[in-house]
Amino acid sequence: MEQNINKLIDCIKNLTSDAISRLLALALGMLVAETAAATECPYCGGTRIVRNGKKCRKQRYLCRDCGRTFVTTTHTVMSMSHYPASVWKEVAADTLGGCSIDHTAERMELSHQCVFNMRHKLLLAMQDMLASSPVVLGKVSELDETYVLESFKGKKLPEDTGRPARKHGAKAQKRGLSAEYICINTGIQRDGGALAEAVNRAKPDSAELLEVYRGHLEDGTLLLCDGLKSYGILRNLAECTIKDINTAAPAEMSFFHLNTVNNFHSFIKDRYDYYRGVATKYLNRYNALFSLTWRRNTVLVTDLCSKLFHSGTADYYHSIKDIKTLRLLAL
């Protein structure tokens, strides 16, 4: 054992910093136990739990409080899955690390469709997590938009689209900003969390900004933006100050800037380019992934596994039907 550990250390010394970060993320994920004894009922939260036989080779439990039976994967992303937690952890680590579906499928020797379904169950669960604990922007926060081309990746181009199909990496037909681009509205607290959501094409109007930021702004926040007049409507959501960075004096430019949110945009674009685009209908699922992983990708694996892979009162299970129909972006 000691000899193997020494060999592993020698191999790690030759890895790049990115590879070491990925290895660390996988190791942290593996620290989560493969199975865990149930301590509370996922239906009622009761603690009077007794063992009640087996189901599909999994320990089944009976809750003395509500009388319902469950297994350790009830209400988790692994519900109804034939794969063990070790496989799900690998898929989760690749998802958080920005790997493509084909890369994960080849590495894990699984089909593309299988990994696709597992990834989207994870993405839907991440949206559930953000819905239950929404990102709240406070203190000094930066607001801006970034744009990605509309994509029908994975299906034929609809006849009513009004443009010919384009290959991966191709440019828009029209110059500048047009309806071919999907707007991702982003908000960043400089020392806090990130928010990304797409609800429109081209520039957002006041109603769309209200939809994106409702419930995500804290009173007393200084909001920095690039001068888009629509942002003024956000004063209706919270008692905040909105500052156009273009009106700042030269001596103030070191503070009044959008460098943090632009960094987040670069992170999104890098992931988006590596995926060779994301189907527009799934874009907000990936926006949830981008919001959660920015700044904290390495430590997130353990946190994600502990919340999504063990039974609890929060229900993170989604079916194949949910993958096809739930929370699709329609513009």
C-alpha atoms as a PDB file:
ATOM      1  CA  MET A   1       0.000   0.000   0.000  1.00  0.00           C
ATOM      2  CA  GLU A   2       2.771   2.428   0.960  1.00  0.00           C
ATOM      3  CA  GLN A   3       4.570   1.692  -2.302  1.00  0.00           C
ATOM      4  CA  ASN A   4       1.448   2.445  -4.325  1.00  0.00           C
ATOM      5  CA  ILE A   5       0.964   5.726  -2.462  1.00  0.00           C
ATOM      6  CA  ASN A   6       4.541   6.771  -3.251  1.00  0.00           C
ATOM      7  CA  LYS A   7       3.997   5.965  -6.941  1.00  0.00           C
ATOM      8  CA  LEU A   8       0.819   8.016  -6.911  1.00  0.00           C
ATOM      9  CA  ILE A   9       2.631  10.974  -5.343  1.00  0.00           C
ATOM     10  CA  ASP A  10       5.322  10.787  -8.029  1.00  0.00           C
ATOM     11  CA  CYS A  11       2.628  10.828 -10.729  1.00  0.00           C
ATOM     12  CA  ILE A  12       0.863  13.789  -9.136  1.00  0.00           C
ATOM     13  CA  LYS A  13       4.090  15.817  -9.194  1.00  0.00           C
ATOM     14  CA  ASN A  14       4.038  15.626 -13.001  1.00  0.00           C
ATOM     15  CA  LEU A  15       0.439  16.825 -13.350  1.00  0.00           C
ATOM     16  CA  THR A  16      -0.620  20.326 -14.329  1.00  0.00           C
ATOM     17  CA  SER A  17      -2.395  22.542 -11.834  1.00  0.00           C
ATOM     18  CA  ASP A  18      -5.709  21.981 -13.648  1.00  0.00           C
ATOM     19  CA  ALA A  19      -5.264  18.213 -13.505  1.00  0.00           C
ATOM     20  CA  ILE A  20      -4.439  18.374  -9.793  1.00  0.00           C
ATOM     21  CA  SER A  21      -7.574  20.458  -9.160  1.00  0.00           C
ATOM     22  CA  ARG A  22      -9.665  17.894 -11.005  1.00  0.00           C
ATOM     23  CA  LEU A  23      -8.052  15.030  -9.082  1.00  0.00           C
ATOM     24  CA  LEU A  24      -8.742  16.838  -5.819  1.00  0.00           C
ATOM     25  CA  ALA A  25     -12.385  17.338  -6.778  1.00  0.00           C
ATOM     26  CA  LEU A  26     -12.753  13.621  -7.517  1.00  0.00           C
ATOM     27  CA  ALA A  27     -11.076  12.679  -4.248  1.00  0.00           C
ATOM     28  CA  LEU A  28     -13.352  14.972  -2.265  1.00  0.00           C
ATOM     29  CA  GLY A  29     -16.372  13.447  -3.960  1.00  0.00           C
ATOM     30  CA  MET A  30     -15.233   9.956  -3.074  1.00  0.00           C
ATOM     31  CA  LEU A  31     -15.115  10.902   0.607  1.00  0.00           C
ATOM     32  CA  VAL A  32     -18.902  10.838   0.588  1.00  0.00           C
ATOM     33  CA  ALA A  33     -19.924   7.338   1.639  1.00  0.00           C
ATOM     34  CA  GLU A  34     -21.237   5.005  -1.061  1.00  0.00           C
ATOM     35  CA  THR A  35     -24.316   4.345   1.042  1.00  0.00           C
ATOM     36  CA  ALA A  36     -25.469   5.771   4.314  1.00  0.00           C
ATOM     37  CA  ALA A  37     -27.833   4.497   6.981  1.00  0.00           C
ATOM     38  CA  ALA A  38     -31.076   6.439   6.993  1.00  0.00           C
ATOM     39  CA  THR A  39     -31.406   8.815   9.946  1.00  0.00           C
ATOM     40  CA  GLU A  40     -34.703  10.486   9.039  1.00  0.00           C
ATOM     41  CA  CYS A  41     -37.714   9.882   6.838  1.00  0.00           C
ATOM     42  CA  PRO A  42     -37.570  11.695   3.476  1.00  0.00           C
ATOM     43  CA  TYR A  43     -41.347  12.120   3.537  1.00  0.00           C
ATOM     44  CA  CYS A  44     -42.088  13.474   7.020  1.00  0.00           C
ATOM     45  CA  GLY A  45     -38.652  14.028   8.563  1.00  0.00           C
ATOM     46  CA  GLY A  46     -39.381  11.546  11.348  1.00  0.00           C
ATOM     47  CA  THR A  47     -36.497   9.819  13.129  1.00  0.00           C
ATOM     48  CA  ARG A  48     -38.238   6.609  14.255  1.00  0.00           C
ATOM     49  CA  ILE A  49     -36.695   4.536  11.466  1.00  0.00           C
ATOM     50  CA  VAL A  50     -36.390   0.729  11.348  1.00  0.00           C
ATOM     51  CA  ARG A  51     -34.987  -1.622   8.732  1.00  0.00           C
ATOM     52  CA  ASN A  52     -37.652  -3.250   6.568  1.00  0.00           C
ATOM     53  CA  GLY A  53     -36.075  -5.789   4.217  1.00  0.00           C
ATOM     54  CA  LYS A  54     -34.435  -5.118   0.856  1.00  0.00           C
ATOM     55  CA  LYS A  55     -35.567  -3.634  -2.425  1.00  0.00           C
ATOM     56  CA  CYS A  56     -33.466  -4.100  -5.576  1.00  0.00           C
ATOM     57  CA  ARG A  57     -30.505  -5.048  -3.356  1.00  0.00           C
ATOM     58  CA  LYS A  58     -30.912  -1.797  -1.399  1.00  0.00           C
ATOM     59  CA  GLN A  59     -31.771  -1.620   2.293  1.00  0.00           C
ATOM     60  CA  ARG A  60     -35.379  -0.585   2.745  1.00  0.00           C
ATOM     61  CA  TYR A  61     -36.567   1.381   5.786  1.00  0.00           C
ATOM     62  CA  LEU A  62     -39.925   1.910   7.468  1.00  0.00           C
ATOM     63  CA  CYS A  63     -40.880   5.165   9.159  1.00  0.00           C
ATOM     64  CA  ARG A  64     -42.858   4.523  12.355  1.00  0.00           C
ATOM     65  CA  ASP A  65     -44.203   8.087  12.254  1.00  0.00           C
ATOM     66  CA  CYS A  66     -45.851   8.169   8.801  1.00  0.00           C
ATOM     67  CA  GLY A  67     -45.811   4.449   7.948  1.00  0.00           C
ATOM     68  CA  ARG A  68     -44.091   4.917   4.574  1.00  0.00           C
ATOM     69  CA  THR A  69     -41.176   2.860   3.313  1.00  0.00           C
ATOM     70  CA  PHE A  70     -38.116   4.176   1.480  1.00  0.00           C
ATOM     71  CA  VAL A  71     -34.534   3.405   0.516  1.00  0.00           C
ATOM     72  CA  THR A  72     -31.423   5.534   0.896  1.00  0.00           C
ATOM     73  CA  THR A  73     -31.797   6.902  -2.646  1.00  0.00           C
ATOM     74  CA  THR A  74     -35.413   8.087  -2.247  1.00  0.00           C
ATOM     75  CA  HIS A  75     -35.761  11.791  -3.195  1.00  0.00           C
ATOM     76  CA  THR A  76     -32.213  11.812  -4.589  1.00  0.00           C
ATOM     77  CA  VAL A  77     -31.011  12.147  -8.180  1.00  0.00           C
ATOM     78  CA  MET A  78     -30.183   8.433  -8.017  1.00  0.00           C
ATOM     79  CA  SER A  79     -33.811   7.367  -7.503  1.00  0.00           C
ATOM     80  CA  MET A  80     -34.799   4.665 -10.018  1.00  0.00           C
ATOM     81  CA  SER A  81     -31.189   4.491 -11.262  1.00  0.00           C
ATOM     82  CA  HIS A  82     -29.366   1.217 -11.894  1.00  0.00           C
ATOM     83  CA  TYR A  83     -25.967   2.833 -11.347  1.00  0.00           C
ATOM     84  CA  PRO A  84     -24.245   3.095  -7.943  1.00  0.00           C
ATOM     85  CA  ALA A  85     -23.178   6.318  -6.243  1.00  0.00           C
ATOM     86  CA  SER A  86     -19.581   5.873  -7.450  1.00  0.00           C
ATOM     87  CA  VAL A  87     -20.702   6.271 -11.089  1.00  0.00           C
ATOM     88  CA  TRP A  88     -22.909   9.250 -10.260  1.00  0.00           C
ATOM     89  CA  LYS A  89     -20.019  10.924  -8.441  1.00  0.00           C
ATOM     90  CA  GLU A  90     -17.810  10.584 -11.507  1.00  0.00           C
ATOM     91  CA  VAL A  91     -20.521  12.089 -13.719  1.00  0.00           C
ATOM     92  CA  ALA A  92     -21.086  14.881 -11.183  1.00  0.00           C
ATOM     93  CA  ALA A  93     -17.346  15.656 -11.034  1.00  0.00           C
ATOM     94  CA  ASP A  94     -17.142  15.815 -14.847  1.00  0.00           C
ATOM     95  CA  THR A  95     -20.248  18.009 -14.984  1.00  0.00           C
ATOM     96  CA  LEU A  96     -18.826  20.461 -12.457  1.00  0.00           C
ATOM     97  CA  GLY A  97     -15.407  20.308 -14.100  1.00  0.00           C
ATOM     98  CA  GLY A  98     -16.807  21.349 -17.485  1.00  0.00           C
ATOM     99  CA  CYS A  99     -16.189  18.078 -19.341  1.00  0.00           C
ATOM    100  CA  SER A 100     -18.274  17.260 -22.393  1.00  0.00           C
ATOM    101  CA  ILE A 101     -20.856  14.475 -22.341  1.00  0.00           C
ATOM    102  CA  ASP A 102     -18.931  12.473 -24.943  1.00  0.00           C
ATOM    103  CA  HIS A 103     -15.732  12.727 -22.881  1.00  0.00           C
ATOM    104  CA  THR A 104     -17.516  11.362 -19.803  1.00  0.00           C
ATOM    105  CA  ALA A 105     -19.279   8.649 -21.794  1.00  0.00           C
ATOM    106  CA  GLU A 106     -16.011   7.435 -23.298  1.00  0.00           C
ATOM    107  CA  ARG A 107     -14.135   7.553 -19.998  1.00  0.00           C
ATOM    108  CA  MET A 108     -16.881   5.775 -18.053  1.00  0.00           C
ATOM    109  CA  GLU A 109     -17.719   3.373 -20.915  1.00  0.00           C
ATOM    110  CA  LEU A 110     -21.341   4.464 -20.883  1.00  0.00           C
ATOM    111  CA  SER A 111     -23.627   5.467 -23.749  1.00  0.00           C
ATOM    112  CA  HIS A 112     -23.999   9.119 -24.715  1.00  0.00           C
ATOM    113  CA  GLN A 113     -27.721   9.043 -23.895  1.00  0.00           C
ATOM    114  CA  CYS A 114     -27.100   7.563 -20.452  1.00  0.00           C
ATOM    115  CA  VAL A 115     -24.621  10.300 -19.510  1.00  0.00           C
ATOM    116  CA  PHE A 116     -26.899  12.923 -21.054  1.00  0.00           C
ATOM    117  CA  ASN A 117     -29.791  11.800 -18.831  1.00  0.00           C
ATOM    118  CA  MET A 118     -27.601  11.671 -15.720  1.00  0.00           C
ATOM    119  CA  ARG A 119     -26.160  15.115 -16.403  1.00  0.00           C
ATOM    120  CA  HIS A 120     -29.538  16.721 -16.937  1.00  0.00           C
ATOM    121  CA  LYS A 121     -30.930  15.142 -13.784  1.00  0.00           C
ATOM    122  CA  LEU A 122     -28.011  16.776 -11.974  1.00  0.00           C
ATOM    123  CA  LEU A 123     -28.643  20.111 -13.705  1.00  0.00           C
ATOM    124  CA  LEU A 124     -32.328  20.054 -12.756  1.00  0.00           C
ATOM    125  CA  ALA A 125     -31.353  19.249  -9.171  1.00  0.00           C
ATOM    126  CA  MET A 126     -28.987  22.241  -9.189  1.00  0.00           C
ATOM    127  CA  GLN A 127     -31.862  24.433 -10.325  1.00  0.00           C
ATOM    128  CA  ASP A 128     -33.882  23.035  -7.408  1.00  0.00           C
ATOM    129  CA  MET A 129     -31.058  23.944  -5.033  1.00  0.00           C
ATOM    130  CA  LEU A 130     -30.898  27.505  -6.340  1.00  0.00           C
ATOM    131  CA  ALA A 131     -34.686  27.835  -6.143  1.00  0.00           C
ATOM    132  CA  SER A 132     -34.723  26.740  -2.489  1.00  0.00           C
ATOM    133  CA  SER A 133     -31.691  28.896  -1.585  1.00  0.00           C
ATOM    134  CA  PRO A 134     -31.645  31.724  -4.142  1.00  0.00           C
ATOM    135  CA  VAL A 135     -28.574  33.862  -4.708  1.00  0.00           C
ATOM    136  CA  VAL A 136     -29.079  37.286  -3.105  1.00  0.00           C
ATOM    137  CA  LEU A 137     -26.905  40.111  -4.389  1.00  0.00           C
ATOM    138  CA  GLY A 138     -25.846  42.658  -1.776  1.00  0.00           C
ATOM    139  CA  LYS A 139     -23.105  45.114  -0.824  1.00  0.00           C
ATOM    140  CA  VAL A 140     -21.391  45.989  -4.136  1.00  0.00           C
ATOM    141  CA  SER A 141     -22.759  44.001  -7.073  1.00  0.00           C
ATOM    142  CA  GLU A 142     -22.195  44.196 -10.809  1.00  0.00           C
ATOM    143  CA  LEU A 143     -24.913  43.641 -13.434  1.00  0.00           C
ATOM    144  CA  ASP A 144     -24.350  43.076 -17.144  1.00  0.00           C
ATOM    145  CA  GLU A 145     -25.343  40.832 -20.035  1.00  0.00           C
ATOM    146  CA  THR A 146     -23.479  38.394 -22.231  1.00  0.00           C
ATOM    147  CA  TYR A 147     -24.724  36.850 -25.466  1.00  0.00           C
ATOM    148  CA  VAL A 148     -24.585  33.417 -27.082  1.00  0.00           C
ATOM    149  CA  LEU A 149     -25.901  32.327 -30.459  1.00  0.00           C
ATOM    150  CA  GLU A 150     -29.224  30.518 -30.577  1.00  0.00           C
ATOM    151  CA  SER A 151     -28.586  26.792 -30.915  1.00  0.00           C
ATOM    152  CA  PHE A 152     -30.703  23.818 -31.943  1.00  0.00           C
ATOM    153  CA  LYS A 153     -27.945  21.380 -31.072  1.00  0.00           C
ATOM    154  CA  GLY A 154     -29.220  17.808 -31.080  1.00  0.00           C
ATOM    155  CA  LYS A 155     -32.193  18.353 -33.433  1.00  0.00           C
ATOM    156  CA  LYS A 156     -32.955  19.521 -36.944  1.00  0.00           C
ATOM    157  CA  LEU A 157     -33.422  23.224 -37.556  1.00  0.00           C
ATOM    158  CA  PRO A 158     -37.154  24.097 -37.534  1.00  0.00           C
ATOM    159  CA  GLU A 159     -38.491  25.250 -40.912  1.00  0.00           C
ATOM    160  CA  ASP A 160     -39.864  28.518 -39.502  1.00  0.00           C
ATOM    161  CA  THR A 161     -36.488  29.661 -38.152  1.00  0.00           C
ATOM    162  CA  GLY A 162     -35.842  31.898 -41.150  1.00  0.00           C
ATOM    163  CA  ARG A 163     -32.172  31.059 -41.550  1.00  0.00           C
ATOM    164  CA  PRO A 164     -30.074  28.166 -42.853  1.00  0.00           C
ATOM    165  CA  ALA A 165     -28.449  25.752 -40.430  1.00  0.00           C
ATOM    166  CA  ARG A 166     -24.918  26.652 -39.368  1.00  0.00           C
ATOM    167  CA  LYS A 167     -22.028  24.518 -38.198  1.00  0.00           C
ATOM    168  CA  HIS A 168     -20.430  24.671 -34.759  1.00  0.00           C
ATOM    169  CA  GLY A 169     -18.303  27.793 -34.471  1.00  0.00           C
ATOM    170  CA  ALA A 170     -20.077  29.622 -37.329  1.00  0.00           C
ATOM    171  CA  LYS A 171     -21.027  33.276 -36.969  1.00  0.00           C
ATOM    172  CA  ALA A 172     -24.426  34.969 -37.037  1.00  0.00           C
ATOM    173  CA  GLN A 173     -25.866  36.010 -40.388  1.00  0.00           C
ATOM    174  CA  LYS A 174     -26.275  39.629 -39.313  1.00  0.00           C
ATOM    175  CA  ARG A 175     -23.586  41.906 -37.965  1.00  0.00           C
ATOM    176  CA  GLY A 176     -23.849  43.211 -34.423  1.00  0.00           C
ATOM    177  CA  LEU A 177     -26.508  42.291 -31.896  1.00  0.00           C
ATOM    178  CA  SER A 178     -29.611  40.659 -33.374  1.00  0.00           C
ATOM    179  CA  ALA A 179     -32.420  38.254 -32.528  1.00  0.00           C
ATOM    180  CA  GLU A 180     -30.035  35.396 -33.360  1.00  0.00           C
ATOM    181  CA  TYR A 181     -28.386  36.008 -29.990  1.00  0.00           C
ATOM    182  CA  ILE A 182     -29.748  34.853 -26.636  1.00  0.00           C
ATOM    183  CA  CYS A 183     -29.109  37.258 -23.773  1.00  0.00           C
ATOM    184  CA  ILE A 184     -27.794  35.813 -20.502  1.00  0.00           C
ATOM    185  CA  ASN A 185     -28.475  38.314 -17.725  1.00  0.00           C
ATOM    186  CA  THR A 186     -25.787  38.068 -15.074  1.00  0.00           C
ATOM    187  CA  GLY A 187     -25.273  39.549 -11.635  1.00  0.00           C
ATOM    188  CA  ILE A 188     -22.248  39.198  -9.390  1.00  0.00           C
ATOM    189  CA  GLN A 189     -21.673  40.260  -5.812  1.00  0.00           C
ATOM    190  CA  ARG A 190     -17.990  41.123  -5.627  1.00  0.00           C
ATOM    191  CA  ASP A 191     -17.410  39.042  -2.512  1.00  0.00           C
ATOM    192  CA  GLY A 192     -20.370  36.708  -2.949  1.00  0.00           C
ATOM    193  CA  GLY A 193     -22.422  34.597  -5.310  1.00  0.00           C
ATOM    194  CA  ALA A 194     -23.282  34.724  -8.988  1.00  0.00           C
ATOM    195  CA  LEU A 195     -26.584  34.735 -10.827  1.00  0.00           C
ATOM    196  CA  ALA A 196     -27.185  33.899 -14.505  1.00  0.00           C
ATOM    197  CA  GLU A 197     -30.507  33.549 -16.298  1.00  0.00           C
ATOM    198  CA  ALA A 198     -31.719  33.871 -19.877  1.00  0.00           C
ATOM    199  CA  VAL A 199     -35.231  35.159 -20.560  1.00  0.00           C
ATOM    200  CA  ASN A 200     -34.931  37.103 -23.794  1.00  0.00           C
ATOM    201  CA  ARG A 201     -33.180  37.802 -27.067  1.00  0.00           C
ATOM    202  CA  ALA A 202     -30.977  40.849 -27.628  1.00  0.00           C
ATOM    203  CA  LYS A 203     -31.174  43.637 -25.009  1.00  0.00           C
ATOM    204  CA  PRO A 204     -33.380  43.047 -21.931  1.00  0.00           C
ATOM    205  CA  ASP A 205     -36.269  45.401 -21.233  1.00  0.00           C
ATOM    206  CA  SER A 206     -37.591  46.485 -17.829  1.00  0.00           C
ATOM    207  CA  ALA A 207     -40.127  43.654 -17.488  1.00  0.00           C
ATOM    208  CA  GLU A 208     -37.493  41.032 -18.257  1.00  0.00           C
ATOM    209  CA  LEU A 209     -35.046  42.497 -15.740  1.00  0.00           C
ATOM    210  CA  LEU A 210     -37.754  42.427 -13.079  1.00  0.00           C
ATOM    211  CA  GLU A 211     -38.348  38.752 -13.884  1.00  0.00           C
ATOM    212  CA  VAL A 212     -34.650  37.917 -13.590  1.00  0.00           C
ATOM    213  CA  TYR A 213     -33.782  39.841 -10.412  1.00  0.00           C
ATOM    214  CA  ARG A 214     -36.998  39.566  -8.370  1.00  0.00           C
ATOM    215  CA  GLY A 215     -36.045  38.021  -5.024  1.00  0.00           C
ATOM    216  CA  HIS A 216     -32.325  38.352  -5.720  1.00  0.00           C
ATOM    217  CA  LEU A 217     -31.566  41.913  -4.526  1.00  0.00           C
ATOM    218  CA  GLU A 218     -30.861  43.081  -0.990  1.00  0.00           C
ATOM    219  CA  ASP A 219     -31.747  46.518   0.358  1.00  0.00           C
ATOM    220  CA  GLY A 220     -28.806  48.903   0.511  1.00  0.00           C
ATOM    221  CA  THR A 221     -26.979  47.308  -2.425  1.00  0.00           C
ATOM    222  CA  LEU A 222     -24.815  49.390  -4.744  1.00  0.00           C
ATOM    223  CA  LEU A 223     -25.558  48.091  -8.256  1.00  0.00           C
ATOM    224  CA  LEU A 224     -23.012  48.854 -10.962  1.00  0.00           C
ATOM    225  CA  CYS A 225     -24.109  48.658 -14.586  1.00  0.00           C
ATOM    226  CA  ASP A 226     -23.055  49.864 -18.031  1.00  0.00           C
ATOM    227  CA  GLY A 227     -25.716  52.525 -18.460  1.00  0.00           C
ATOM    228  CA  LEU A 228     -28.605  50.458 -19.860  1.00  0.00           C
ATOM    229  CA  LYS A 229     -31.655  52.520 -18.838  1.00  0.00           C
ATOM    230  CA  SER A 230     -33.767  49.423 -18.182  1.00  0.00           C
ATOM    231  CA  TYR A 231     -31.781  48.747 -14.994  1.00  0.00           C
ATOM    232  CA  GLY A 232     -33.482  51.722 -13.355  1.00  0.00           C
ATOM    233  CA  ILE A 233     -36.577  49.557 -12.827  1.00  0.00           C
ATOM    234  CA  LEU A 234     -34.683  47.502 -10.241  1.00  0.00           C
ATOM    235  CA  ARG A 235     -35.294  50.265  -7.689  1.00  0.00           C
ATOM    236  CA  ASN A 236     -38.834  48.834  -7.519  1.00  0.00           C
ATOM    237  CA  LEU A 237     -37.446  45.553  -6.171  1.00  0.00           C
ATOM    238  CA  ALA A 238     -35.138  46.860  -3.431  1.00  0.00           C
ATOM    239  CA  GLU A 239     -33.890  50.080  -1.908  1.00  0.00           C
ATOM    240  CA  CYS A 240     -30.674  50.069  -3.882  1.00  0.00           C
ATOM    241  CA  THR A 241     -28.409  52.587  -5.576  1.00  0.00           C
ATOM    242  CA  ILE A 242     -27.755  52.115  -9.289  1.00  0.00           C
ATOM    243  CA  LYS A 243     -24.521  53.546 -10.667  1.00  0.00           C
ATOM    244  CA  ASP A 244     -23.618  53.882 -14.340  1.00  0.00           C
ATOM    245  CA  ILE A 245     -19.876  53.212 -14.510  1.00  0.00           C
ATOM    246  CA  ASN A 246     -19.602  55.372 -17.627  1.00  0.00           C
ATOM    247  CA  THR A 247     -20.334  58.465 -15.512  1.00  0.00           C
ATOM    248  CA  ALA A 248     -17.555  57.740 -12.996  1.00  0.00           C
ATOM    249  CA  ALA A 249     -14.637  60.159 -12.782  1.00  0.00           C
ATOM    250  CA  PRO A 250     -11.224  58.865 -13.934  1.00  0.00           C
ATOM    251  CA  ALA A 251     -10.015  58.699 -10.330  1.00  0.00           C
ATOM    252  CA  GLU A 252     -12.981  56.448  -9.459  1.00  0.00           C
ATOM    253  CA  MET A 253     -12.478  53.898 -12.234  1.00  0.00           C
ATOM    254  CA  SER A 254     -10.515  51.571  -9.954  1.00  0.00           C
ATOM    255  CA  PHE A 255     -13.752  50.984  -8.006  1.00  0.00           C
ATOM    256  CA  PHE A 256     -16.545  51.647 -10.491  1.00  0.00           C
ATOM    257  CA  HIS A 257     -15.961  48.888 -13.035  1.00  0.00           C
ATOM    258  CA  LEU A 258     -17.481  45.636 -14.285  1.00  0.00           C
ATOM    259  CA  ASN A 259     -14.333  43.503 -14.218  1.00  0.00           C
ATOM    260  CA  THR A 260     -15.842  40.891 -11.897  1.00  0.00           C
ATOM    261  CA  VAL A 261     -18.944  40.235 -13.976  1.00  0.00           C
ATOM    262  CA  ASN A 262     -16.845  40.293 -17.165  1.00  0.00           C
ATOM    263  CA  ASN A 263     -14.679  37.596 -15.609  1.00  0.00           C
ATOM    264  CA  PHE A 264     -17.838  35.554 -15.069  1.00  0.00           C
ATOM    265  CA  HIS A 265     -18.752  36.106 -18.724  1.00  0.00           C
ATOM    266  CA  SER A 266     -15.365  34.747 -19.780  1.00  0.00           C
ATOM    267  CA  PHE A 267     -15.944  31.688 -17.592  1.00  0.00           C
ATOM    268  CA  ILE A 268     -19.339  31.090 -19.254  1.00  0.00           C
ATOM    269  CA  LYS A 269     -17.971  31.582 -22.774  1.00  0.00           C
ATOM    270  CA  ASP A 270     -15.031  29.226 -22.151  1.00  0.00           C
ATOM    271  CA  ARG A 271     -17.397  26.500 -20.960  1.00  0.00           C
ATOM    272  CA  TYR A 272     -19.824  27.221 -23.786  1.00  0.00           C
ATOM    273  CA  ASP A 273     -17.077  26.996 -26.432  1.00  0.00           C
ATOM    274  CA  TYR A 274     -15.742  23.764 -24.964  1.00  0.00           C
ATOM    275  CA  TYR A 275     -19.225  22.233 -25.102  1.00  0.00           C
ATOM    276  CA  ARG A 276     -19.388  23.420 -28.734  1.00  0.00           C
ATOM    277  CA  GLY A 277     -22.562  25.211 -27.825  1.00  0.00           C
ATOM    278  CA  VAL A 278     -25.541  24.310 -25.671  1.00  0.00           C
ATOM    279  CA  ALA A 279     -29.048  23.755 -27.010  1.00  0.00           C
ATOM    280  CA  THR A 280     -30.895  26.988 -26.254  1.00  0.00           C
ATOM    281  CA  LYS A 281     -33.825  25.166 -24.645  1.00  0.00           C
ATOM    282  CA  TYR A 282     -31.429  23.790 -21.999  1.00  0.00           C
ATOM    283  CA  LEU A 283     -29.534  27.054 -21.499  1.00  0.00           C
ATOM    284  CA  ASN A 284     -30.961  27.955 -18.082  1.00  0.00           C
ATOM    285  CA  ARG A 285     -30.072  24.518 -16.746  1.00  0.00           C
ATOM    286  CA  TYR A 286     -26.464  25.237 -17.648  1.00  0.00           C
ATOM    287  CA  ASN A 287     -26.773  28.752 -16.253  1.00  0.00           C
ATOM    288  CA  ALA A 288     -27.532  27.128 -12.886  1.00  0.00           C
ATOM    289  CA  LEU A 289     -24.343  25.089 -13.295  1.00  0.00           C
ATOM    290  CA  PHE A 290     -22.326  28.199 -14.182  1.00  0.00           C
ATOM    291  CA  SER A 291     -23.722  30.090 -11.189  1.00  0.00           C
ATOM    292  CA  LEU A 292     -22.864  27.305  -8.750  1.00  0.00           C
ATOM    293  CA  THR A 293     -19.409  26.449 -10.061  1.00  0.00           C
ATOM    294  CA  TRP A 294     -17.934  29.906 -10.561  1.00  0.00           C
ATOM    295  CA  ARG A 295     -15.233  30.467  -7.910  1.00  0.00           C
ATOM    296  CA  ARG A 296     -15.955  27.200  -6.052  1.00  0.00           C
ATOM    297  CA  ASN A 297     -15.716  24.274  -8.466  1.00  0.00           C
ATOM    298  CA  THR A 298     -13.268  22.217  -6.387  1.00  0.00           C
ATOM    299  CA  VAL A 299     -15.128  22.266  -3.086  1.00  0.00           C
ATOM    300  CA  LEU A 300     -18.552  21.909  -4.668  1.00  0.00           C
ATOM    301  CA  VAL A 301     -18.269  18.172  -5.425  1.00  0.00           C
ATOM    302  CA  THR A 302     -18.454  17.155  -1.765  1.00  0.00           C
ATOM    303  CA  ASP A 303     -21.248  19.626  -1.042  1.00  0.00           C
ATOM    304  CA  LEU A 304     -23.229  18.509  -4.078  1.00  0.00           C
ATOM    305  CA  CYS A 305     -22.821  14.804  -3.301  1.00  0.00           C
ATOM    306  CA  SER A 306     -23.891  15.258   0.317  1.00  0.00           C
ATOM    307  CA  LYS A 307     -27.091  17.067  -0.742  1.00  0.00           C
ATOM    308  CA  LEU A 308     -28.095  15.164  -3.853  1.00  0.00           C
ATOM    309  CA  PHE A 309     -26.946  11.607  -3.197  1.00  0.00           C
ATOM    310  CA  HIS A 310     -28.466  10.985   0.229  1.00  0.00           C
ATOM    311  CA  SER A 311     -32.100  10.754   1.184  1.00  0.00           C
ATOM    312  CA  GLY A 312     -33.641  13.846   2.772  1.00  0.00           C
ATOM    313  CA  THR A 313     -36.869  15.799   2.921  1.00  0.00           C
ATOM    314  CA  ALA A 314     -35.840  17.880  -0.138  1.00  0.00           C
ATOM    315  CA  ASP A 315     -36.855  16.014  -3.306  1.00  0.00           C
ATOM    316  CA  TYR A 316     -34.213  16.187  -6.046  1.00  0.00           C
ATOM    317  CA  TYR A 317     -35.515  13.324  -8.163  1.00  0.00           C
ATOM    318  CA  HIS A 318     -36.407  13.998 -11.798  1.00  0.00           C
ATOM    319  CA  SER A 319     -37.687  11.570 -14.394  1.00  0.00           C
ATOM    320  CA  ILE A 320     -36.752  11.194 -18.060  1.00  0.00           C
ATOM    321  CA  LYS A 321     -39.997  13.027 -18.858  1.00  0.00           C
ATOM    322  CA  ASP A 322     -38.804  15.962 -16.737  1.00  0.00           C
ATOM    323  CA  ILE A 323     -35.577  16.083 -18.742  1.00  0.00           C
ATOM    324  CA  LYS A 324     -37.584  16.476 -21.953  1.00  0.00           C
ATOM    325  CA  THR A 325     -40.186  18.939 -20.717  1.00  0.00           C
ATOM    326  CA  LEU A 326     -39.270  20.700 -17.452  1.00  0.00           C
ATOM    327  CA  ARG A 327     -38.008  24.323 -17.398  1.00  0.00           C
ATOM    328  CA  LEU A 328     -37.145  24.488 -21.072  1.00  0.00           C
ATOM    329  CA  LEU A 329     -36.278  27.941 -22.367  1.00  0.00           C
ATOM    330  CA  ALA A 330     -38.771  28.965 -25.041  1.00  0.00           C
ATOM    331  CA  LEU A 331     -38.252  32.359 -26.694  1.00  0.00           C
END
